[in-house]
C-alpha atoms as a PDB file:
ATOM      1  CA  MET A   1       3.660  -4.770   4.797  1.00  0.00           C
ATOM      2  CA  LEU A   2       3.923  -1.952   7.031  1.00  0.00           C
ATOM      3  CA  ALA A   3       1.396   0.411   7.629  1.00  0.00           C
ATOM      4  CA  VAL A   4       1.755   3.724  10.139  1.00  0.00           C
ATOM      5  CA  TRP A   5      -1.038   5.440  11.227  1.00  0.00           C
ATOM      6  CA  GLN A   6      -0.326   9.554  12.225  1.00  0.00           C
ATOM      7  CA  ALA A   7      -3.264  11.489  14.260  1.00  0.00           C
ATOM      8  CA  ILE A   8      -3.471  14.314  11.833  1.00  0.00           C
ATOM      9  CA  GLU A   9      -6.652  16.666  12.916  1.00  0.00           C
ATOM     10  CA  GLY A  10      -9.469  16.856  11.330  1.00  0.00           C
ATOM     11  CA  ASP A  11      -8.418  13.136   9.291  1.00  0.00           C
ATOM     12  CA  GLY A  12     -11.994  11.266   9.559  1.00  0.00           C
ATOM     13  CA  GLN A  13     -10.773   9.177  12.324  1.00  0.00           C
ATOM     14  CA  GLY A  14     -13.243  10.335  14.501  1.00  0.00           C
ATOM     15  CA  GLY A  15     -10.830   7.806  17.338  1.00  0.00           C
ATOM     16  CA  GLY A  16     -11.703   5.203  15.599  1.00  0.00           C
ATOM     17  CA  ASN A  17     -10.251   2.028  15.325  1.00  0.00           C
ATOM     18  CA  PRO A  18      -7.636   2.149  11.634  1.00  0.00           C
ATOM     19  CA  GLU A  19      -6.447  -1.030  11.730  1.00  0.00           C
ATOM     20  CA  ARG A  20      -9.647  -2.202  10.795  1.00  0.00           C
ATOM     21  CA  ILE A  21      -8.800  -0.903   7.382  1.00  0.00           C
ATOM     22  CA  LEU A  22      -6.161  -3.105   6.629  1.00  0.00           C
ATOM     23  CA  ALA A  23      -7.139  -5.652   8.803  1.00  0.00           C
ATOM     24  CA  ASP A  24      -5.039  -8.409   7.537  1.00  0.00           C
ATOM     25  CA  PRO A  25      -2.322 -10.680   8.931  1.00  0.00           C
ATOM     26  CA  ARG A  26       0.741  -9.381   6.446  1.00  0.00           C
ATOM     27  CA  VAL A  27       0.273  -5.836   7.252  1.00  0.00           C
ATOM     28  CA  THR A  28       2.288  -5.192  10.621  1.00  0.00           C
ATOM     29  CA  GLN A  29       0.313  -1.746  11.925  1.00  0.00           C
ATOM     30  CA  LEU A  30       2.377   1.459  13.466  1.00  0.00           C
ATOM     31  CA  HIS A  31       1.995   4.459  14.668  1.00  0.00           C
ATOM     32  CA  ASP A  32       3.454   7.879  14.503  1.00  0.00           C
ATOM     33  CA  PRO A  33       1.677  10.405  17.146  1.00  0.00           C
ATOM     34  CA  ASP A  34       4.979  12.583  16.737  1.00  0.00           C
ATOM     35  CA  LEU A  35       4.734  13.005  12.899  1.00  0.00           C
ATOM     36  CA  ASP A  36       8.011  11.881  12.331  1.00  0.00           C
ATOM     37  CA  ILE A  37       7.585   9.097   9.519  1.00  0.00           C
ATOM     38  CA  GLY A  38       5.066  12.039   7.856  1.00  0.00           C
ATOM     39  CA  ARG A  39       7.660  14.325   8.110  1.00  0.00           C
ATOM     40  CA  TRP A  40      10.540  12.147   6.941  1.00  0.00           C
ATOM     41  CA  PHE A  41       8.309  11.083   3.906  1.00  0.00           C
ATOM     42  CA  GLY A  42       7.024  14.444   3.249  1.00  0.00           C
ATOM     43  CA  SER A  43      10.816  16.639   3.432  1.00  0.00           C
ATOM     44  CA  ARG A  44      11.303  13.711   0.588  1.00  0.00           C
ATOM     45  CA  SER A  45       8.009  15.139  -1.469  1.00  0.00           C
ATOM     46  CA  HIS A  46       9.705  14.846  -4.711  1.00  0.00           C
ATOM     47  CA  THR A  47      10.907  11.440  -4.731  1.00  0.00           C
ATOM     48  CA  PHE A  48       7.791   9.730  -3.372  1.00  0.00           C
ATOM     49  CA  HIS A  49       4.974  11.716  -4.013  1.00  0.00           C
ATOM     50  CA  ALA A  50       3.773  12.182  -0.680  1.00  0.00           C
ATOM     51  CA  GLY A  51       2.269  16.011  -0.723  1.00  0.00           C
ATOM     52  CA  GLY A  52       4.854  17.256   1.650  1.00  0.00           C
ATOM     53  CA  PRO A  53       6.078  18.571   4.014  1.00  0.00           C
ATOM     54  CA  LEU A  54       4.056  16.265   6.087  1.00  0.00           C
ATOM     55  CA  ALA A  55       3.031  13.242   4.113  1.00  0.00           C
ATOM     56  CA  TRP A  56      -0.017  11.778   5.559  1.00  0.00           C
ATOM     57  CA  ASP A  57      -3.327  10.026   3.732  1.00  0.00           C
ATOM     58  CA  ALA A  58      -0.405   8.629   1.228  1.00  0.00           C
ATOM     59  CA  PHE A  59       1.199   5.428   0.610  1.00  0.00           C
ATOM     60  CA  MET A  60       4.366   4.185  -1.102  1.00  0.00           C
ATOM     61  CA  LEU A  61       4.703   0.459  -1.879  1.00  0.00           C
ATOM     62  CA  PHE A  62       8.308  -0.451  -1.863  1.00  0.00           C
ATOM     63  CA  ASP A  63      10.439  -3.913  -3.009  1.00  0.00           C
ATOM     64  CA  ALA A  64      11.240  -6.144  -1.028  1.00  0.00           C
ATOM     65  CA  ASP A  65      15.282  -4.877  -1.355  1.00  0.00           C
ATOM     66  CA  ALA A  66      14.346  -1.285   0.081  1.00  0.00           C
ATOM     67  CA  THR A  67      16.329   0.198   3.371  1.00  0.00           C
ATOM     68  CA  LEU A  68      15.608   3.898   4.313  1.00  0.00           C
ATOM     69  CA  ALA A  69      19.207   4.470   2.497  1.00  0.00           C
ATOM     70  CA  SER A  70      18.429   3.577  -0.563  1.00  0.00           C
ATOM     71  CA  GLY A  71      15.420   6.208  -0.751  1.00  0.00           C
ATOM     72  CA  GLY A  72      13.207   6.193  -3.472  1.00  0.00           C
ATOM     73  CA  GLU A  73      15.601   3.566  -5.521  1.00  0.00           C
ATOM     74  CA  HIS A  74      13.374   0.434  -4.286  1.00  0.00           C
ATOM     75  CA  LEU A  75       9.955   2.476  -4.867  1.00  0.00           C
ATOM     76  CA  GLN A  76       7.594   0.845  -7.276  1.00  0.00           C
ATOM     77  CA  THR A  77       4.337   2.860  -7.062  1.00  0.00           C
ATOM     78  CA  SER A  78       3.419   5.552  -4.759  1.00  0.00           C
ATOM     79  CA  GLY A  79       0.272   8.236  -4.612  1.00  0.00           C
ATOM     80  CA  ARG A  80      -1.926  10.435  -2.597  1.00  0.00           C
ATOM     81  CA  THR A  81      -4.549  10.423  -2.067  1.00  0.00           C
ATOM     82  CA  ILE A  82      -5.152   6.899  -0.486  1.00  0.00           C
ATOM     83  CA  ILE A  83      -8.595   6.973  -1.752  1.00  0.00           C
ATOM     84  CA  ALA A  84      -8.466   8.974  -4.710  1.00  0.00           C
ATOM     85  CA  ASP A  85      -5.306   6.391  -5.876  1.00  0.00           C
ATOM     86  CA  HIS A  86      -7.206   3.126  -4.355  1.00  0.00           C
ATOM     87  CA  ALA A  87      -6.934   1.158  -7.541  1.00  0.00           C
ATOM     88  CA  LYS A  88      -3.142   2.208  -8.199  1.00  0.00           C
ATOM     89  CA  LEU A  89      -2.676   0.625  -5.307  1.00  0.00           C
ATOM     90  CA  GLN A  90      -4.707  -2.486  -4.982  1.00  0.00           C
ATOM     91  CA  ASP A  91      -3.209  -3.374  -8.229  1.00  0.00           C
ATOM     92  CA  ALA A  92       0.329  -2.957  -7.335  1.00  0.00           C
ATOM     93  CA  LEU A  93      -0.556  -5.194  -4.277  1.00  0.00           C
ATOM     94  CA  ALA A  94      -2.396  -7.735  -6.724  1.00  0.00           C
ATOM     95  CA  ALA A  95       1.080  -7.757  -8.909  1.00  0.00           C
ATOM     96  CA  ALA A  96       3.300  -8.272  -6.236  1.00  0.00           C
END
């Protein structure tokens, strides 16, 4: 699993360490200080339900065959905001 962290103004992270939220050895933590990944998913918000034009506070869960080229073909579930849809994400991860 990949988690991508973006420094969004007013996101409540307060300069803390967001990695502690997903402290799990199965998760690779990445940082996107230039918001490139957020813009990529946001520009495809119709596919990924990311809230575009900048995706943040959103999740997308893909199967193991997903690539950037495959677009949303391998999307298992998505949601926004993470807090609002946390049960949906939790259920999908438990089933994976």
